Amino acid sequence: MKSKVGKNKAPMSKENSQRDYWSSNLDVKNLGSGDTLRRFNLEEELDFYFSPEQLFALKKLWGEEGLRGKRILEIGGGMGVFALFLATQEADVYVADIAPARIYFLNRQVQARGLASRIHAVCAAAEALPFADDFFDAVYTKSVLIHTELEKAAQEAARVLKKGGRGIFVEPMAQSPLVNIYRRTLAPKEWRTLANYFDRQRLGVLMRAFGGGRIRYFYLFAFMAFFWQFGWRNRALFKFFANVLNDVDEFLFRLLPPLKRLAWFAVVSVKK
């Protein structure tokens, strides 16, 4: 049987397929619903972004010392919501994203808000970061390492982090029943091939790159609050249900710790 690949064409690499998908998906919700360039509202997006796991991650990112003057790398900056927030807190923000179109989008936002001295965006893969060793005070990701060769990406994140620096990695897990129903039905079909969701083994790979770490789990039933973000957008109802259901989840995780393996997200905190 003849190969379907042309004589002069090699099969698309995983890195190229990731780059093409995310460059063509200029949607702040990452659902492929179109270009958000003309309707991007940072204040609205921050209301959705700072859900319970993100508030926890932000606190862990620099604790009581605050973000001012800290050199922070966000790997996979997406549409730039968190990077723009960090810059408003006077952090020195670097963004590495594999998708050129998303870097372009972020740079447009940076220029429009007069934040060019605070945000430095480069097109780069997580597995080959173009930064010196021991360069950053903190490294952060959200739903990015699931799209990488994890061992290489974790080693690169550890390499560029300063001694004593912090890494905060917010990544989705593989075994949440409610989330898996969504992934198999309503979620973009590309997620089934582009993402390699976390499990206990992958959590171990990440933490070993830093010599250990701590894990906090989020979202058992609180996943349902995200209907008010991804279904019918309503900031007030999203915040209300996310906070109430998160309290329920935290109670259940304390009462029955094995339920943590059914969580949607894990926040991994490491220190080099």
Protein backbone atom coordinates (compact mmCIF):
# COMPACT_ATOMS: atom_id res chain seq x y z
CA MET A 1 0.00 0.00 0.00
CA LYS A 2 1.34 3.41 -0.95
CA SER A 3 1.83 6.01 1.72
CA LYS A 4 -0.58 8.93 1.67
CA VAL A 5 2.31 11.26 2.49
CA GLY A 6 3.70 12.99 -0.59
CA LYS A 7 7.28 12.41 -1.68
CA ASN A 8 8.42 15.81 -0.45
CA LYS A 9 6.19 16.04 2.61
CA ALA A 10 6.98 14.64 6.03
CA PRO A 11 4.19 13.83 8.49
CA MET A 12 3.28 16.84 10.64
CA SER A 13 5.13 16.72 13.94
CA LYS A 14 3.25 16.99 17.23
CA GLU A 15 4.90 20.38 17.83
CA ASN A 16 3.74 21.68 14.45
CA SER A 17 0.21 20.40 14.96
CA GLN A 18 0.08 22.14 18.34
CA ARG A 19 1.41 25.36 16.80
CA ASP A 20 -1.11 25.28 13.96
CA TYR A 21 -4.08 24.49 16.21
CA TRP A 22 -3.42 27.21 18.77
CA SER A 23 -2.52 29.80 16.13
CA SER A 24 -5.86 29.18 14.43
CA ASN A 25 -7.77 29.19 17.73
CA LEU A 26 -7.80 32.82 18.82
CA ASP A 27 -10.53 32.23 21.35
CA VAL A 28 -10.00 33.26 24.96
CA LYS A 29 -12.16 30.27 26.03
CA ASN A 30 -9.98 27.90 23.92
CA LEU A 31 -13.08 26.37 22.37
CA GLY A 32 -12.32 27.36 18.77
CA SER A 33 -15.30 29.69 18.60
CA GLY A 34 -13.61 32.42 16.61
CA ASP A 35 -11.33 35.43 16.71
CA THR A 36 -11.66 37.47 19.91
CA LEU A 37 -9.32 40.26 18.80
CA ARG A 38 -12.08 42.88 18.55
CA ARG A 39 -14.09 41.81 21.61
CA PHE A 40 -11.43 41.01 24.19
CA ASN A 41 -12.40 42.48 27.58
CA LEU A 42 -9.59 41.99 30.10
CA GLU A 43 -11.62 42.94 33.16
CA GLU A 44 -14.38 40.46 32.24
CA GLU A 45 -11.90 37.69 31.51
CA LEU A 46 -10.10 38.22 34.83
CA ASP A 47 -13.39 37.68 36.66
CA PHE A 48 -13.58 34.24 35.08
CA TYR A 49 -9.84 33.57 35.30
CA PHE A 50 -9.61 33.99 39.06
CA SER A 51 -11.59 30.93 39.98
CA PRO A 52 -10.70 29.09 43.24
CA GLU A 53 -7.69 27.16 41.91
CA GLN A 54 -6.26 30.32 40.32
CA LEU A 55 -6.62 32.36 43.50
CA PHE A 56 -4.75 29.59 45.30
CA ALA A 57 -2.08 29.50 42.59
CA LEU A 58 -1.60 33.26 42.70
CA LYS A 59 -1.13 33.19 46.47
CA LYS A 60 1.44 30.41 46.10
CA LEU A 61 3.18 32.19 43.23
CA TRP A 62 4.66 34.81 45.49
CA GLY A 63 2.99 34.57 48.88
CA GLU A 64 2.89 37.61 51.10
CA GLU A 65 5.83 39.28 49.36
CA GLY A 66 3.75 40.28 46.36
CA LEU A 67 4.65 40.33 42.67
CA ARG A 68 6.29 43.73 42.31
CA GLY A 69 9.70 43.51 40.69
CA LYS A 70 9.64 39.72 40.36
CA ARG A 71 10.76 38.16 37.07
CA ILE A 72 8.06 35.65 36.15
CA LEU A 73 7.82 33.27 33.20
CA GLU A 74 4.44 32.10 31.96
CA ILE A 75 4.81 29.09 29.69
CA GLY A 76 1.92 28.99 27.24
CA GLY A 77 0.49 32.45 27.78
CA GLY A 78 -2.52 31.89 25.54
CA MET A 79 -4.44 35.10 24.94
CA GLY A 80 -2.45 36.86 27.66
CA VAL A 81 -5.03 37.32 30.42
CA PHE A 82 -2.75 36.30 33.31
CA ALA A 83 0.35 37.95 31.85
CA LEU A 84 -1.50 41.26 31.54
CA PHE A 85 -2.68 40.97 35.14
CA LEU A 86 0.84 40.22 36.40
CA ALA A 87 2.14 43.28 34.56
CA THR A 88 -0.44 45.49 36.28
CA GLN A 89 1.01 44.21 39.58
CA GLU A 90 4.42 45.53 38.45
CA ALA A 91 5.95 42.13 37.83
CA ASP A 92 8.51 41.72 35.03
CA VAL A 93 6.65 39.20 32.86
CA TYR A 94 8.02 36.88 30.19
CA VAL A 95 5.70 34.79 28.05
CA ALA A 96 6.73 31.80 25.93
CA ASP A 97 4.04 30.42 23.63
CA ILE A 98 4.30 28.02 20.71
CA ALA A 99 1.65 29.84 18.63
CA PRO A 100 2.85 32.94 16.69
CA ALA A 101 -0.70 34.26 16.28
CA ARG A 102 -1.21 34.27 20.04
CA ILE A 103 2.06 36.09 20.61
CA TYR A 104 0.91 38.68 18.05
CA PHE A 105 -2.45 39.02 19.84
CA LEU A 106 -0.73 39.50 23.20
CA ASN A 107 1.67 42.09 21.81
CA ARG A 108 -1.30 44.05 20.46
CA GLN A 109 -2.81 44.10 23.95
CA VAL A 110 0.53 45.05 25.50
CA GLN A 111 0.95 48.03 23.18
CA ALA A 112 -2.65 49.17 23.67
CA ARG A 113 -2.21 49.18 27.46
CA GLY A 114 1.26 50.75 27.54
CA LEU A 115 2.84 47.67 29.15
CA ALA A 116 5.72 47.11 26.73
CA SER A 117 8.30 47.63 29.48
CA ARG A 118 6.64 44.96 31.62
CA ILE A 119 5.82 42.10 29.20
CA HIS A 120 8.29 40.32 26.93
CA ALA A 121 6.72 37.68 24.67
CA VAL A 122 8.60 35.11 22.58
CA CYS A 123 7.49 32.28 20.32
CA ALA A 124 9.03 29.13 21.79
CA ALA A 125 8.18 25.58 22.81
CA ALA A 126 8.12 24.59 26.47
CA GLU A 127 10.68 21.90 25.70
CA ALA A 128 13.26 24.43 24.42
CA LEU A 129 13.02 27.70 26.32
CA PRO A 130 15.27 30.49 24.97
CA PHE A 131 16.35 31.74 28.40
CA ALA A 132 19.49 31.46 30.51
CA ASP A 133 19.82 29.11 33.46
CA ASP A 134 18.58 30.43 36.83
CA PHE A 135 16.87 33.42 35.20
CA PHE A 136 13.38 33.56 36.75
CA ASP A 137 12.01 34.11 40.23
CA ALA A 138 8.92 32.09 39.33
CA VAL A 139 7.58 29.87 36.54
CA TYR A 140 3.86 29.33 35.93
CA THR A 141 1.61 27.31 33.63
CA LYS A 142 -2.10 26.67 33.30
CA SER A 143 -3.32 23.75 31.15
CA VAL A 144 -0.11 23.82 29.13
CA LEU A 145 2.06 20.90 30.22
CA ILE A 146 -0.68 18.51 29.02
CA HIS A 147 0.34 19.55 25.50
CA THR A 148 4.08 18.96 25.91
CA GLU A 149 6.70 16.26 26.16
CA LEU A 150 6.42 16.50 29.90
CA GLU A 151 9.86 15.35 31.03
CA LYS A 152 11.63 17.80 28.69
CA ALA A 153 9.29 20.66 29.55
CA ALA A 154 9.68 20.05 33.29
CA GLN A 155 13.46 19.96 33.00
CA GLU A 156 13.45 23.23 31.05
CA ALA A 157 11.22 24.91 33.63
CA ALA A 158 13.58 23.76 36.38
CA ARG A 159 16.64 24.92 34.44
CA VAL A 160 15.46 28.51 34.00
CA LEU A 161 14.19 28.86 37.59
CA LYS A 162 16.49 30.49 40.12
CA LYS A 163 17.66 28.70 43.24
CA GLY A 164 14.91 29.33 45.76
CA GLY A 165 12.45 30.23 42.99
CA ARG A 166 8.90 28.94 42.82
CA GLY A 167 7.09 26.93 40.20
CA ILE A 168 3.29 26.82 40.07
CA PHE A 169 1.70 24.44 37.58
CA VAL A 170 -2.09 24.32 37.22
CA GLU A 171 -2.93 21.26 35.15
CA PRO A 172 -6.07 19.19 34.41
CA MET A 173 -6.36 15.60 35.55
CA ALA A 174 -7.49 12.52 33.64
CA GLN A 175 -10.04 10.83 35.91
CA SER A 176 -12.81 13.33 36.68
CA PRO A 177 -16.10 11.60 35.70
CA LEU A 178 -18.04 14.80 34.99
CA VAL A 179 -15.19 16.35 33.02
CA ASN A 180 -14.65 13.21 30.98
CA ILE A 181 -18.29 13.20 29.90
CA TYR A 182 -17.76 16.76 28.68
CA ARG A 183 -14.48 15.87 26.96
CA ARG A 184 -16.14 13.03 25.03
CA THR A 185 -19.21 15.01 23.98
CA LEU A 186 -19.16 18.81 23.92
CA ALA A 187 -15.45 19.65 24.05
CA PRO A 188 -13.50 20.31 20.82
CA LYS A 189 -12.60 16.93 19.31
CA GLU A 190 -8.97 18.11 18.87
CA TRP A 191 -8.53 17.91 22.65
CA ARG A 192 -8.59 14.09 22.39
CA THR A 193 -5.32 14.06 20.46
CA LEU A 194 -3.63 17.30 21.53
CA ALA A 195 -3.84 16.73 25.29
CA ASN A 196 -2.26 14.14 27.59
CA TYR A 197 -4.03 14.74 30.88
CA PHE A 198 -2.26 14.35 34.20
CA ASP A 199 -2.34 11.32 36.45
CA ARG A 200 -0.26 10.29 39.46
CA GLN A 201 2.62 9.21 37.24
CA ARG A 202 2.79 12.50 35.35
CA LEU A 203 2.52 14.46 38.60
CA GLY A 204 5.55 12.50 39.78
CA VAL A 205 7.50 13.31 36.59
CA LEU A 206 6.86 17.01 37.09
CA MET A 207 7.82 17.10 40.75
CA ARG A 208 10.97 15.02 40.30
CA ALA A 209 12.37 17.70 38.00
CA PHE A 210 12.40 20.01 41.05
CA GLY A 211 13.22 17.47 43.71
CA GLY A 212 9.69 17.32 45.11
CA GLY A 213 6.62 19.48 45.57
CA ARG A 214 3.10 19.79 46.96
CA ILE A 215 -0.25 19.12 45.30
CA ARG A 216 -3.64 20.71 45.95
CA TYR A 217 -6.69 19.32 44.17
CA PHE A 218 -9.72 21.25 42.91
CA TYR A 219 -13.13 20.55 41.36
CA LEU A 220 -15.24 17.54 42.00
CA PHE A 221 -18.74 19.02 41.76
CA ALA A 222 -17.55 22.62 41.37
CA PHE A 223 -16.83 21.77 37.72
CA MET A 224 -20.55 22.49 37.13
CA ALA A 225 -19.99 26.18 37.92
CA PHE A 226 -18.12 26.52 34.63
CA PHE A 227 -21.40 26.32 32.74
CA TRP A 228 -21.65 30.00 33.57
CA GLN A 229 -18.33 30.64 31.82
CA PHE A 230 -18.31 28.27 28.84
CA GLY A 231 -22.04 27.81 28.32
CA TRP A 232 -24.04 30.88 29.26
CA ARG A 233 -21.55 33.53 30.37
CA ASN A 234 -22.58 35.20 33.61
CA ARG A 235 -19.82 36.46 35.88
CA ALA A 236 -21.93 36.81 39.03
CA LEU A 237 -23.41 33.31 38.82
CA PHE A 238 -20.03 31.83 37.93
CA LYS A 239 -18.39 33.33 41.01
CA PHE A 240 -21.27 32.33 43.28
CA PHE A 241 -21.44 28.69 42.20
CA ALA A 242 -17.65 28.29 41.93
CA ASN A 243 -17.16 29.46 45.52
CA VAL A 244 -20.09 27.55 47.02
CA LEU A 245 -19.36 24.28 45.23
CA ASN A 246 -15.64 24.61 45.91
CA ASP A 247 -16.43 24.72 49.63
CA VAL A 248 -18.45 21.52 49.19
CA ASP A 249 -15.58 19.88 47.31
CA GLU A 250 -13.01 20.85 49.94
CA PHE A 251 -15.21 19.34 52.63
CA LEU A 252 -15.56 16.10 50.66
CA PHE A 253 -11.81 15.92 49.95
CA ARG A 254 -11.12 16.24 53.69
CA LEU A 255 -13.82 13.71 54.58
CA LEU A 256 -12.87 11.17 51.89
CA PRO A 257 -9.30 11.83 50.64
CA PRO A 258 -9.49 9.13 47.89
CA LEU A 259 -11.96 11.41 46.09
CA LYS A 260 -9.00 13.64 45.19
CA ARG A 261 -8.12 11.25 42.37
CA LEU A 262 -11.41 12.30 40.73
CA ALA A 263 -10.55 16.02 40.80
CA TRP A 264 -10.47 18.04 37.60
CA PHE A 265 -7.39 20.17 38.39
CA ALA A 266 -4.22 19.80 40.38
CA VAL A 267 -2.09 22.77 41.43
CA VAL A 268 1.51 21.64 41.81
CA SER A 269 3.73 23.95 43.91
CA VAL A 270 7.50 23.43 43.79
CA LYS A 271 10.54 25.27 45.05
CA LYS A 272 13.98 24.87 43.52
